[in-house]
Protein backbone atom coordinates (compact mmCIF):
# COMPACT_ATOMS: atom_id res chain seq x y z
CA UNK A 1 76.63 108.60 101.31
CA UNK A 2 78.80 106.54 103.64
CA UNK A 3 81.89 108.78 103.33
CA UNK A 4 81.78 112.54 103.90
CA UNK A 5 84.46 115.12 104.47
CA UNK A 6 84.97 118.63 105.70
CA UNK A 7 87.97 120.89 105.20
CA UNK A 8 88.96 122.66 108.39
CA UNK A 9 91.04 125.48 107.01
CA UNK A 10 92.38 126.79 110.33
CA UNK A 11 93.95 123.36 110.96
CA UNK A 12 94.97 122.75 107.33
CA UNK A 13 93.03 119.51 107.71
CA UNK A 14 90.66 117.31 105.77
CA UNK A 15 88.41 115.39 108.15
CA UNK A 16 86.80 112.42 106.38
CA UNK A 17 84.23 110.33 108.24
CA UNK A 18 82.88 106.99 107.13
CA UNK A 19 79.96 104.99 108.45
CA UNK A 20 78.26 101.69 107.74
CA UNK A 21 79.49 100.20 104.43
CA UNK A 22 81.89 102.03 102.11
CA UNK A 23 82.01 100.91 98.49
CA UNK A 24 84.73 101.21 95.88
CA UNK A 25 82.58 103.75 94.00
CA UNK A 26 82.25 105.93 97.12
CA UNK A 27 86.03 105.91 97.62
CA UNK A 28 86.61 106.88 94.00
CA UNK A 29 83.93 109.59 94.16
CA UNK A 30 85.52 110.93 97.37
CA UNK A 31 88.91 111.19 95.66
CA UNK A 32 87.37 112.99 92.67
CA UNK A 33 85.45 115.45 94.88
CA UNK A 34 88.40 116.23 97.10
CA UNK A 35 90.80 116.70 94.17
CA UNK A 36 88.44 119.34 92.70
CA UNK A 37 87.66 121.11 95.97
CA UNK A 38 89.08 124.65 95.74
CA UNK A 39 89.56 124.68 99.53
CA UNK A 40 92.15 121.89 99.33
CA UNK A 41 95.53 123.61 99.51
CA UNK A 42 98.44 121.18 99.45
CA UNK A 43 100.07 119.94 101.44
CA UNK A 44 97.27 119.19 103.86
CA UNK A 45 96.78 116.82 106.71
CA UNK A 46 93.98 114.30 106.47
CA UNK A 47 92.25 112.44 109.27
CA UNK A 48 90.07 109.54 108.12
CA UNK A 49 87.65 108.28 110.76
CA UNK A 50 86.51 104.70 110.14
CA UNK A 51 85.35 104.06 113.72
CA UNK A 52 81.72 103.71 112.58
CA UNK A 53 82.47 101.72 109.44
CA UNK A 54 81.25 98.12 109.37
CA UNK A 55 82.82 97.16 106.05
CA UNK A 56 84.91 98.52 103.21
CA UNK A 57 83.89 96.61 100.11
CA UNK A 58 87.06 96.57 98.08
CA UNK A 59 88.63 93.62 96.27
CA UNK A 60 92.35 93.48 95.48
CA UNK A 61 91.92 94.85 91.95
CA UNK A 62 89.83 97.77 93.26
CA UNK A 63 92.42 98.45 95.97
CA UNK A 64 95.05 98.72 93.27
CA UNK A 65 92.83 100.97 91.14
CA UNK A 66 92.06 103.24 94.10
CA UNK A 67 95.75 103.62 94.97
CA UNK A 68 96.57 104.28 91.31
CA UNK A 69 93.87 106.95 91.17
CA UNK A 70 95.29 108.76 94.19
CA UNK A 71 98.83 108.45 92.82
CA UNK A 72 97.65 109.88 89.48
CA UNK A 73 96.42 112.92 91.41
CA UNK A 74 99.84 113.37 93.01
CA UNK A 75 100.01 116.95 91.77
CA UNK A 76 97.00 117.66 94.02
CA UNK A 77 97.82 115.46 97.01
CA UNK A 78 101.63 115.56 97.04
CA UNK A 79 102.89 116.11 100.58
CA UNK A 80 99.65 114.98 102.19
CA UNK A 81 99.98 113.37 105.61
CA UNK A 82 97.03 111.04 106.17
CA UNK A 83 96.06 109.23 109.38
CA UNK A 84 93.41 106.52 109.09
CA UNK A 85 91.64 105.43 112.28
CA UNK A 86 90.38 101.86 111.91
CA UNK A 87 89.83 100.04 115.19
CA UNK A 88 88.37 96.76 113.87
CA UNK A 89 90.56 94.16 112.17
CA UNK A 90 88.97 93.90 108.69
CA UNK A 91 88.90 97.69 108.23
CA UNK A 92 92.41 98.03 109.67
CA UNK A 93 93.62 95.41 107.17
CA UNK A 94 92.09 97.22 104.18
CA UNK A 95 93.64 100.50 105.36
CA UNK A 96 97.08 98.87 105.75
CA UNK A 97 96.85 97.49 102.21
CA UNK A 98 96.10 101.02 100.97
CA UNK A 99 99.05 102.33 102.98
CA UNK A 100 101.37 99.75 101.41
CA UNK A 101 100.13 100.39 97.87
CA UNK A 102 100.56 104.15 98.28
CA UNK A 103 104.11 103.70 99.61
CA UNK A 104 104.88 101.95 96.34
CA UNK A 105 102.88 104.16 93.94
CA UNK A 106 103.34 107.63 95.44
CA UNK A 107 105.95 107.98 98.18
CA UNK A 108 105.15 111.71 98.38
CA UNK A 109 101.91 110.92 100.23
CA UNK A 110 102.47 109.74 103.80
CA UNK A 111 99.85 107.41 105.29
CA UNK A 112 99.71 105.76 108.69
CA UNK A 113 96.96 103.54 110.09
CA UNK A 114 95.88 103.68 113.73
CA UNK A 115 93.41 101.88 115.93
CA UNK A 116 93.24 104.81 118.36
CA UNK A 117 91.75 108.26 117.57
CA UNK A 118 94.05 110.18 119.93
CA UNK A 119 97.19 108.51 118.55
CA UNK A 120 96.17 109.52 115.03
CA UNK A 121 95.61 113.13 116.10
CA UNK A 122 98.98 113.14 117.89
CA UNK A 123 100.73 111.80 114.80
CA UNK A 124 99.17 114.59 112.74
CA UNK A 125 100.02 117.09 115.48
CA UNK A 126 96.51 118.56 115.55
CA UNK A 127 94.25 119.72 118.34
CA UNK A 128 90.81 118.87 117.01
CA UNK A 129 87.71 119.52 119.05
CA UNK A 130 86.07 116.22 118.13
CA UNK A 131 82.39 116.95 118.62
CA UNK A 132 82.35 120.31 116.83
CA UNK A 133 83.22 118.80 113.43
CA UNK A 134 82.22 115.17 113.75
CA UNK A 135 78.57 115.91 114.50
CA UNK A 136 78.16 117.75 111.22
CA UNK A 137 79.52 114.78 109.26
CA UNK A 138 77.54 111.97 110.88
């Protein structure tokens, strides 16, 4: 699977890590899994690491469907503050589209897209020991 996550309860954080190619199905499966995870206690912070992602295969219709899916789960994700780290242009662009769609569909979920890992952590106001959690997800 190209997208995995861990819930770090002491930080009230979901750390999601992608690698290689992420498909529409994987994004939808991720949303389903996370929405049913008993450890998810809203509102949570979410840090999405796309630094090792080569491509997110998502057309405009799928982008809309993905945003609609997350908005439909607003009762689960309401109040979430999500930072997406996407240093390369195509991935950054896909993440910004998701950000824009979510602003429209569910303003109760705050998303911001970053190119820099440390800026994303600062925005979330978390002190994450990178290697401890990232190694288990890669």
